[in-house]
Amino acid sequence: MPTIEMYTTAVCGYCVAAKNLLKARGLSWQEIRVDADPARREEMLARAAGQRTVPQIFVNGHHVGGYTDLVAAERSGRLAEMLAEGVR
């Protein structure tokens, strides 16, 4: 089963859009709220090479990026490849 982690905040339209895209594909994810836990924001910054915007999405430990990166990965087929890596 693939592992999807998403760093989010409570008020984030792109976070909602990313969750809806994943839900439409029948995928589940672990949501990490950086607004509720400042230490998790530092974790996100370290993992996402300093990117400060949310969402920041990781699939099987690989950084996808934000919502627009997730959409681009979906359209190019790269997301399916990343998800398949977790199934092997």
PDB file of N, CA and C in Angstrom:
ATOM      1  N   MET A   1       0.853  -1.184   0.000  1.00  0.00           N
ATOM      2  CA  MET A   1       0.000   0.000   0.000  1.00  0.00           C
ATOM      3  C   MET A   1       0.893   1.240   0.000  1.00  0.00           C
ATOM      4  N   PRO A   2       0.645   2.179  -0.900  1.00  0.00           N
ATOM      5  CA  PRO A   2       1.460   3.394  -0.930  1.00  0.00           C
ATOM      6  C   PRO A   2       1.219   4.262   0.304  1.00  0.00           C
ATOM      7  N   THR A   3       2.263   4.976   0.691  1.00  0.00           N
ATOM      8  CA  THR A   3       2.173   5.897   1.813  1.00  0.00           C
ATOM      9  C   THR A   3       2.136   7.317   1.267  1.00  0.00           C
ATOM     10  N   ILE A   4       1.101   8.059   1.611  1.00  0.00           N
ATOM     11  CA  ILE A   4       0.974   9.452   1.193  1.00  0.00           C
ATOM     12  C   ILE A   4       0.894  10.309   2.445  1.00  0.00           C
ATOM     13  N   GLU A   5       1.784  11.293   2.520  1.00  0.00           N
ATOM     14  CA  GLU A   5       1.785  12.239   3.624  1.00  0.00           C
ATOM     15  C   GLU A   5       1.543  13.624   3.047  1.00  0.00           C
ATOM     16  N   MET A   6       0.701  14.396   3.713  1.00  0.00           N
ATOM     17  CA  MET A   6       0.387  15.735   3.240  1.00  0.00           C
ATOM     18  C   MET A   6       0.446  16.712   4.413  1.00  0.00           C
ATOM     19  N   TYR A   7       1.349  17.682   4.296  1.00  0.00           N
ATOM     20  CA  TYR A   7       1.430  18.759   5.288  1.00  0.00           C
ATOM     21  C   TYR A   7       0.407  19.813   4.895  1.00  0.00           C
ATOM     22  N   THR A   8      -0.445  20.201   5.850  1.00  0.00           N
ATOM     23  CA  THR A   8      -1.548  21.115   5.567  1.00  0.00           C
ATOM     24  C   THR A   8      -1.719  22.131   6.689  1.00  0.00           C
ATOM     25  N   THR A   9      -2.641  23.061   6.453  1.00  0.00           N
ATOM     26  CA  THR A   9      -3.153  23.938   7.503  1.00  0.00           C
ATOM     27  C   THR A   9      -4.671  23.870   7.454  1.00  0.00           C
ATOM     28  N   ALA A  10      -5.310  24.425   8.494  1.00  0.00           N
ATOM     29  CA  ALA A  10      -6.769  24.346   8.586  1.00  0.00           C
ATOM     30  C   ALA A  10      -7.461  25.126   7.472  1.00  0.00           C
ATOM     31  N   VAL A  11      -6.914  26.268   7.111  1.00  0.00           N
ATOM     32  CA  VAL A  11      -7.553  27.133   6.116  1.00  0.00           C
ATOM     33  C   VAL A  11      -6.658  27.180   4.881  1.00  0.00           C
ATOM     34  N   CYS A  12      -6.882  26.252   3.962  1.00  0.00           N
ATOM     35  CA  CYS A  12      -6.028  26.159   2.768  1.00  0.00           C
ATOM     36  C   CYS A  12      -6.827  25.537   1.640  1.00  0.00           C
ATOM     37  N   GLY A  13      -7.213  26.349   0.681  1.00  0.00           N
ATOM     38  CA  GLY A  13      -7.994  25.852  -0.450  1.00  0.00           C
ATOM     39  C   GLY A  13      -7.245  24.831  -1.285  1.00  0.00           C
ATOM     40  N   TYR A  14      -5.933  25.015  -1.451  1.00  0.00           N
ATOM     41  CA  TYR A  14      -5.143  24.050  -2.221  1.00  0.00           C
ATOM     42  C   TYR A  14      -5.032  22.712  -1.494  1.00  0.00           C
ATOM     43  N   CYS A  15      -5.021  22.760  -0.157  1.00  0.00           N
ATOM     44  CA  CYS A  15      -5.007  21.518   0.623  1.00  0.00           C
ATOM     45  C   CYS A  15      -6.296  20.737   0.378  1.00  0.00           C
ATOM     46  N   VAL A  16      -7.417  21.429   0.394  1.00  0.00           N
ATOM     47  CA  VAL A  16      -8.711  20.796   0.140  1.00  0.00           C
ATOM     48  C   VAL A  16      -8.738  20.207  -1.270  1.00  0.00           C
ATOM     49  N   ALA A  17      -8.231  20.950  -2.238  1.00  0.00           N
ATOM     50  CA  ALA A  17      -8.206  20.469  -3.617  1.00  0.00           C
ATOM     51  C   ALA A  17      -7.334  19.218  -3.748  1.00  0.00           C
ATOM     52  N   ALA A  18      -6.189  19.211  -3.079  1.00  0.00           N
ATOM     53  CA  ALA A  18      -5.304  18.039  -3.125  1.00  0.00           C
ATOM     54  C   ALA A  18      -5.990  16.831  -2.491  1.00  0.00           C
ATOM     55  N   LYS A  19      -6.648  17.033  -1.365  1.00  0.00           N
ATOM     56  CA  LYS A  19      -7.362  15.937  -0.708  1.00  0.00           C
ATOM     57  C   LYS A  19      -8.474  15.404  -1.608  1.00  0.00           C
ATOM     58  N   ASN A  20      -9.178  16.297  -2.295  1.00  0.00           N
ATOM     59  CA  ASN A  20     -10.249  15.869  -3.194  1.00  0.00           C
ATOM     60  C   ASN A  20      -9.703  15.059  -4.362  1.00  0.00           C
ATOM     61  N   LEU A  21      -8.555  15.449  -4.900  1.00  0.00           N
ATOM     62  CA  LEU A  21      -7.946  14.703  -5.998  1.00  0.00           C
ATOM     63  C   LEU A  21      -7.577  13.296  -5.532  1.00  0.00           C
ATOM     64  N   LEU A  22      -6.947  13.204  -4.366  1.00  0.00           N
ATOM     65  CA  LEU A  22      -6.555  11.893  -3.843  1.00  0.00           C
ATOM     66  C   LEU A  22      -7.782  11.042  -3.520  1.00  0.00           C
ATOM     67  N   LYS A  23      -8.796  11.675  -2.944  1.00  0.00           N
ATOM     68  CA  LYS A  23     -10.026  10.951  -2.610  1.00  0.00           C
ATOM     69  C   LYS A  23     -10.689  10.410  -3.872  1.00  0.00           C
ATOM     70  N   ALA A  24     -10.701  11.199  -4.944  1.00  0.00           N
ATOM     71  CA  ALA A  24     -11.307  10.767  -6.208  1.00  0.00           C
ATOM     72  C   ALA A  24     -10.586   9.549  -6.788  1.00  0.00           C
ATOM     73  N   ARG A  25      -9.310   9.403  -6.466  1.00  0.00           N
ATOM     74  CA  ARG A  25      -8.548   8.237  -6.926  1.00  0.00           C
ATOM     75  C   ARG A  25      -8.656   7.070  -5.960  1.00  0.00           C
ATOM     76  N   GLY A  26      -9.413   7.251  -4.869  1.00  0.00           N
ATOM     77  CA  GLY A  26      -9.582   6.174  -3.901  1.00  0.00           C
ATOM     78  C   GLY A  26      -8.381   5.983  -2.990  1.00  0.00           C
ATOM     79  N   LEU A  27      -7.601   7.040  -2.832  1.00  0.00           N
ATOM     80  CA  LEU A  27      -6.387   6.959  -2.020  1.00  0.00           C
ATOM     81  C   LEU A  27      -6.606   7.560  -0.644  1.00  0.00           C
ATOM     82  N   SER A  28      -5.856   7.082   0.315  1.00  0.00           N
ATOM     83  CA  SER A  28      -5.884   7.660   1.657  1.00  0.00           C
ATOM     84  C   SER A  28      -4.522   8.292   1.927  1.00  0.00           C
ATOM     85  N   TRP A  29      -4.479   9.162   2.904  1.00  0.00           N
ATOM     86  CA  TRP A  29      -3.256   9.889   3.198  1.00  0.00           C
ATOM     87  C   TRP A  29      -3.200  10.197   4.688  1.00  0.00           C
ATOM     88  N   GLN A  30      -2.002  10.517   5.136  1.00  0.00           N
ATOM     89  CA  GLN A  30      -1.810  10.982   6.504  1.00  0.00           C
ATOM     90  C   GLN A  30      -1.702  12.495   6.425  1.00  0.00           C
ATOM     91  N   GLU A  31      -2.572  13.187   7.132  1.00  0.00           N
ATOM     92  CA  GLU A  31      -2.557  14.647   7.151  1.00  0.00           C
ATOM     93  C   GLU A  31      -1.746  15.121   8.350  1.00  0.00           C
ATOM     94  N   ILE A  32      -0.800  16.010   8.090  1.00  0.00           N
ATOM     95  CA  ILE A  32       0.047  16.566   9.136  1.00  0.00           C
ATOM     96  C   ILE A  32      -0.220  18.064   9.178  1.00  0.00           C
ATOM     97  N   ARG A  33      -0.876  18.515  10.225  1.00  0.00           N
ATOM     98  CA  ARG A  33      -1.271  19.923  10.362  1.00  0.00           C
ATOM     99  C   ARG A  33      -0.122  20.750  10.929  1.00  0.00           C
ATOM    100  N   VAL A  34       0.481  21.563  10.098  1.00  0.00           N
ATOM    101  CA  VAL A  34       1.624  22.369  10.539  1.00  0.00           C
ATOM    102  C   VAL A  34       1.197  23.598  11.333  1.00  0.00           C
ATOM    103  N   ASP A  35      -0.061  24.008  11.208  1.00  0.00           N
ATOM    104  CA  ASP A  35      -0.534  25.143  11.997  1.00  0.00           C
ATOM    105  C   ASP A  35      -0.821  24.735  13.440  1.00  0.00           C
ATOM    106  N   ALA A  36      -1.081  23.480  13.668  1.00  0.00           N
ATOM    107  CA  ALA A  36      -1.384  22.986  15.007  1.00  0.00           C
ATOM    108  C   ALA A  36      -0.129  22.576  15.776  1.00  0.00           C
ATOM    109  N   ASP A  37       0.967  22.339  15.061  1.00  0.00           N
ATOM    110  CA  ASP A  37       2.196  21.870  15.698  1.00  0.00           C
ATOM    111  C   ASP A  37       3.400  22.511  14.998  1.00  0.00           C
ATOM    112  N   PRO A  38       3.957  23.575  15.566  1.00  0.00           N
ATOM    113  CA  PRO A  38       5.079  24.283  14.936  1.00  0.00           C
ATOM    114  C   PRO A  38       6.285  23.392  14.643  1.00  0.00           C
ATOM    115  N   ALA A  39       6.517  22.379  15.437  1.00  0.00           N
ATOM    116  CA  ALA A  39       7.640  21.472  15.178  1.00  0.00           C
ATOM    117  C   ALA A  39       7.449  20.736  13.861  1.00  0.00           C
ATOM    118  N   ARG A  40       6.210  20.448  13.522  1.00  0.00           N
ATOM    119  CA  ARG A  40       5.932  19.760  12.247  1.00  0.00           C
ATOM    120  C   ARG A  40       6.197  20.680  11.056  1.00  0.00           C
ATOM    121  N   ARG A  41       6.033  22.010  11.248  1.00  0.00           N
ATOM    122  CA  ARG A  41       6.366  22.961  10.188  1.00  0.00           C
ATOM    123  C   ARG A  41       7.861  22.894   9.897  1.00  0.00           C
ATOM    124  N   GLU A  42       8.673  22.829  10.931  1.00  0.00           N
ATOM    125  CA  GLU A  42      10.123  22.711  10.748  1.00  0.00           C
ATOM    126  C   GLU A  42      10.470  21.406  10.042  1.00  0.00           C
ATOM    127  N   GLU A  43       9.766  20.345  10.395  1.00  0.00           N
ATOM    128  CA  GLU A  43       9.953  19.056   9.730  1.00  0.00           C
ATOM    129  C   GLU A  43       9.624  19.176   8.242  1.00  0.00           C
ATOM    130  N   MET A  44       8.514  19.840   7.933  1.00  0.00           N
ATOM    131  CA  MET A  44       8.109  20.035   6.543  1.00  0.00           C
ATOM    132  C   MET A  44       9.166  20.820   5.780  1.00  0.00           C
ATOM    133  N   LEU A  45       9.658  21.901   6.359  1.00  0.00           N
ATOM    134  CA  LEU A  45      10.666  22.724   5.702  1.00  0.00           C
ATOM    135  C   LEU A  45      11.916  21.906   5.379  1.00  0.00           C
ATOM    136  N   ALA A  46      12.328  21.065   6.302  1.00  0.00           N
ATOM    137  CA  ALA A  46      13.510  20.229   6.087  1.00  0.00           C
ATOM    138  C   ALA A  46      13.271  19.204   4.981  1.00  0.00           C
ATOM    139  N   ARG A  47      12.122  18.574   4.996  1.00  0.00           N
ATOM    140  CA  ARG A  47      11.817  17.533   4.005  1.00  0.00           C
ATOM    141  C   ARG A  47      11.545  18.101   2.625  1.00  0.00           C
ATOM    142  N   ALA A  48      10.972  19.308   2.572  1.00  0.00           N
ATOM    143  CA  ALA A  48      10.555  19.904   1.293  1.00  0.00           C
ATOM    144  C   ALA A  48      11.570  20.925   0.780  1.00  0.00           C
ATOM    145  N   ALA A  49      12.816  20.801   1.210  1.00  0.00           N
ATOM    146  CA  ALA A  49      13.897  21.675   0.737  1.00  0.00           C
ATOM    147  C   ALA A  49      13.555  23.151   0.921  1.00  0.00           C
ATOM    148  N   GLY A  50      12.954  23.477   2.054  1.00  0.00           N
ATOM    149  CA  GLY A  50      12.669  24.868   2.387  1.00  0.00           C
ATOM    150  C   GLY A  50      11.386  25.443   1.824  1.00  0.00           C
ATOM    151  N   GLN A  51      10.623  24.662   1.082  1.00  0.00           N
ATOM    152  CA  GLN A  51       9.361  25.172   0.551  1.00  0.00           C
ATOM    153  C   GLN A  51       8.399  25.419   1.704  1.00  0.00           C
ATOM    154  N   ARG A  52       7.820  26.609   1.746  1.00  0.00           N
ATOM    155  CA  ARG A  52       7.016  27.039   2.886  1.00  0.00           C
ATOM    156  C   ARG A  52       5.507  26.943   2.677  1.00  0.00           C
ATOM    157  N   THR A  53       5.071  26.772   1.447  1.00  0.00           N
ATOM    158  CA  THR A  53       3.629  26.754   1.182  1.00  0.00           C
ATOM    159  C   THR A  53       3.044  25.377   1.461  1.00  0.00           C
ATOM    160  N   VAL A  54       1.767  25.360   1.747  1.00  0.00           N
ATOM    161  CA  VAL A  54       1.048  24.096   1.914  1.00  0.00           C
ATOM    162  C   VAL A  54       0.022  23.983   0.793  1.00  0.00           C
ATOM    163  N   PRO A  55      -0.304  22.784   0.399  1.00  0.00           N
ATOM    164  CA  PRO A  55       0.202  21.533   0.942  1.00  0.00           C
ATOM    165  C   PRO A  55       1.600  21.213   0.410  1.00  0.00           C
ATOM    166  N   GLN A  56       2.309  20.389   1.150  1.00  0.00           N
ATOM    167  CA  GLN A  56       3.516  19.726   0.668  1.00  0.00           C
ATOM    168  C   GLN A  56       3.213  18.244   0.764  1.00  0.00           C
ATOM    169  N   ILE A  57       3.349  17.561  -0.371  1.00  0.00           N
ATOM    170  CA  ILE A  57       2.878  16.184  -0.494  1.00  0.00           C
ATOM    171  C   ILE A  57       4.057  15.254  -0.770  1.00  0.00           C
ATOM    172  N   PHE A  58       4.044  14.119  -0.073  1.00  0.00           N
ATOM    173  CA  PHE A  58       5.072  13.098  -0.232  1.00  0.00           C
ATOM    174  C   PHE A  58       4.391  11.769  -0.525  1.00  0.00           C
ATOM    175  N   VAL A  59       4.913  11.060  -1.523  1.00  0.00           N
ATOM    176  CA  VAL A  59       4.395   9.732  -1.866  1.00  0.00           C
ATOM    177  C   VAL A  59       5.545   8.745  -1.711  1.00  0.00           C
ATOM    178  N   ASN A  60       5.344   7.782  -0.833  1.00  0.00           N
ATOM    179  CA  ASN A  60       6.381   6.788  -0.546  1.00  0.00           C
ATOM    180  C   ASN A  60       7.717   7.446  -0.229  1.00  0.00           C
ATOM    181  N   GLY A  61       7.655   8.554   0.505  1.00  0.00           N
ATOM    182  CA  GLY A  61       8.860   9.256   0.925  1.00  0.00           C
ATOM    183  C   GLY A  61       9.434  10.216  -0.091  1.00  0.00           C
ATOM    184  N   HIS A  62       8.889  10.211  -1.309  1.00  0.00           N
ATOM    185  CA  HIS A  62       9.377  11.106  -2.372  1.00  0.00           C
ATOM    186  C   HIS A  62       8.553  12.392  -2.374  1.00  0.00           C
ATOM    187  N   HIS A  63       9.237  13.520  -2.436  1.00  0.00           N
ATOM    188  CA  HIS A  63       8.558  14.812  -2.437  1.00  0.00           C
ATOM    189  C   HIS A  63       7.915  15.067  -3.794  1.00  0.00           C
ATOM    190  N   VAL A  64       6.603  15.228  -3.797  1.00  0.00           N
ATOM    191  CA  VAL A  64       5.869  15.571  -5.018  1.00  0.00           C
ATOM    192  C   VAL A  64       5.857  17.081  -5.187  1.00  0.00           C
ATOM    193  N   GLY A  65       5.598  17.808  -4.092  1.00  0.00           N
ATOM    194  CA  GLY A  65       5.487  19.262  -4.116  1.00  0.00           C
ATOM    195  C   GLY A  65       4.116  19.671  -3.620  1.00  0.00           C
ATOM    196  N   GLY A  66       3.613  20.758  -4.164  1.00  0.00           N
ATOM    197  CA  GLY A  66       2.315  21.281  -3.778  1.00  0.00           C
ATOM    198  C   GLY A  66       1.198  20.757  -4.660  1.00  0.00           C
ATOM    199  N   TYR A  67       0.054  21.427  -4.572  1.00  0.00           N
ATOM    200  CA  TYR A  67      -1.124  20.981  -5.322  1.00  0.00           C
ATOM    201  C   TYR A  67      -0.885  20.981  -6.826  1.00  0.00           C
ATOM    202  N   THR A  68      -0.323  22.057  -7.368  1.00  0.00           N
ATOM    203  CA  THR A  68      -0.115  22.107  -8.829  1.00  0.00           C
ATOM    204  C   THR A  68       0.874  21.034  -9.271  1.00  0.00           C
ATOM    205  N   ASP A  69       1.842  20.716  -8.425  1.00  0.00           N
ATOM    206  CA  ASP A  69       2.778  19.634  -8.742  1.00  0.00           C
ATOM    207  C   ASP A  69       2.060  18.285  -8.728  1.00  0.00           C
ATOM    208  N   LEU A  70       1.135  18.112  -7.789  1.00  0.00           N
ATOM    209  CA  LEU A  70       0.347  16.883  -7.716  1.00  0.00           C
ATOM    210  C   LEU A  70      -0.496  16.708  -8.979  1.00  0.00           C
ATOM    211  N   VAL A  71      -1.130  17.779  -9.424  1.00  0.00           N
ATOM    212  CA  VAL A  71      -1.941  17.726 -10.650  1.00  0.00           C
ATOM    213  C   VAL A  71      -1.060  17.388 -11.849  1.00  0.00           C
ATOM    214  N   ALA A  72       0.101  18.025 -11.935  1.00  0.00           N
ATOM    215  CA  ALA A  72       1.015  17.750 -13.049  1.00  0.00           C
ATOM    216  C   ALA A  72       1.476  16.290 -13.023  1.00  0.00           C
ATOM    217  N   ALA A  73       1.762  15.764 -11.834  1.00  0.00           N
ATOM    218  CA  ALA A  73       2.177  14.366 -11.708  1.00  0.00           C
ATOM    219  C   ALA A  73       1.042  13.427 -12.106  1.00  0.00           C
ATOM    220  N   GLU A  74      -0.174  13.786 -11.753  1.00  0.00           N
ATOM    221  CA  GLU A  74      -1.349  12.991 -12.130  1.00  0.00           C
ATOM    222  C   GLU A  74      -1.505  12.955 -13.644  1.00  0.00           C
ATOM    223  N   ARG A  75      -1.411  14.103 -14.268  1.00  0.00           N
ATOM    224  CA  ARG A  75      -1.616  14.199 -15.726  1.00  0.00           C
ATOM    225  C   ARG A  75      -0.518  13.510 -16.519  1.00  0.00           C
ATOM    226  N   SER A  76       0.711  13.543 -16.010  1.00  0.00           N
ATOM    227  CA  SER A  76       1.840  12.954 -16.739  1.00  0.00           C
ATOM    228  C   SER A  76       1.991  11.455 -16.518  1.00  0.00           C
ATOM    229  N   GLY A  77       1.286  10.923 -15.526  1.00  0.00           N
ATOM    230  CA  GLY A  77       1.424   9.511 -15.202  1.00  0.00           C
ATOM    231  C   GLY A  77       2.480   9.244 -14.141  1.00  0.00           C
ATOM    232  N   ARG A  78       3.208  10.268 -13.739  1.00  0.00           N
ATOM    233  CA  ARG A  78       4.259  10.106 -12.736  1.00  0.00           C
ATOM    234  C   ARG A  78       3.676   9.711 -11.383  1.00  0.00           C
ATOM    235  N   LEU A  79       2.497  10.227 -11.037  1.00  0.00           N
ATOM    236  CA  LEU A  79       1.869   9.877  -9.763  1.00  0.00           C
ATOM    237  C   LEU A  79       1.574   8.382  -9.719  1.00  0.00           C
ATOM    238  N   ALA A  80       1.042   7.833 -10.791  1.00  0.00           N
ATOM    239  CA  ALA A  80       0.750   6.394 -10.844  1.00  0.00           C
ATOM    240  C   ALA A  80       2.035   5.587 -10.666  1.00  0.00           C
ATOM    241  N   GLU A  81       3.133   6.046 -11.257  1.00  0.00           N
ATOM    242  CA  GLU A  81       4.418   5.364 -11.107  1.00  0.00           C
ATOM    243  C   GLU A  81       4.885   5.409  -9.651  1.00  0.00           C
ATOM    244  N   MET A  82       4.741   6.577  -9.019  1.00  0.00           N
ATOM    245  CA  MET A  82       5.160   6.723  -7.625  1.00  0.00           C
ATOM    246  C   MET A  82       4.306   5.835  -6.708  1.00  0.00           C
ATOM    247  N   LEU A  83       3.025   5.766  -6.989  1.00  0.00           N
ATOM    248  CA  LEU A  83       2.125   4.932  -6.186  1.00  0.00           C
ATOM    249  C   LEU A  83       2.463   3.448  -6.366  1.00  0.00           C
ATOM    250  N   ALA A  84       2.817   3.062  -7.578  1.00  0.00           N
ATOM    251  CA  ALA A  84       3.149   1.672  -7.860  1.00  0.00           C
ATOM    252  C   ALA A  84       4.409   1.237  -7.120  1.00  0.00           C
ATOM    253  N   GLU A  85       5.321   2.162  -6.870  1.00  0.00           N
ATOM    254  CA  GLU A  85       6.545   1.824  -6.136  1.00  0.00           C
ATOM    255  C   GLU A  85       6.222   1.311  -4.740  1.00  0.00           C
ATOM    256  N   GLY A  86       5.150   1.813  -4.144  1.00  0.00           N
ATOM    257  CA  GLY A  86       4.778   1.385  -2.805  1.00  0.00           C
ATOM    258  C   GLY A  86       4.077   0.037  -2.771  1.00  0.00           C
ATOM    259  N   VAL A  87       3.657  -0.463  -3.932  1.00  0.00           N
ATOM    260  CA  VAL A  87       2.924  -1.720  -4.006  1.00  0.00           C
ATOM    261  C   VAL A  87       3.882  -2.894  -4.116  1.00  0.00           C
ATOM    262  N   ARG A  88       5.030  -2.670  -4.706  1.00  0.00           N
ATOM    263  CA  ARG A  88       6.003  -3.747  -4.928  1.00  0.00           C
ATOM    264  C   ARG A  88       6.480  -4.360  -3.660  1.00  0.00           C
TER     265      ARG A  88
END
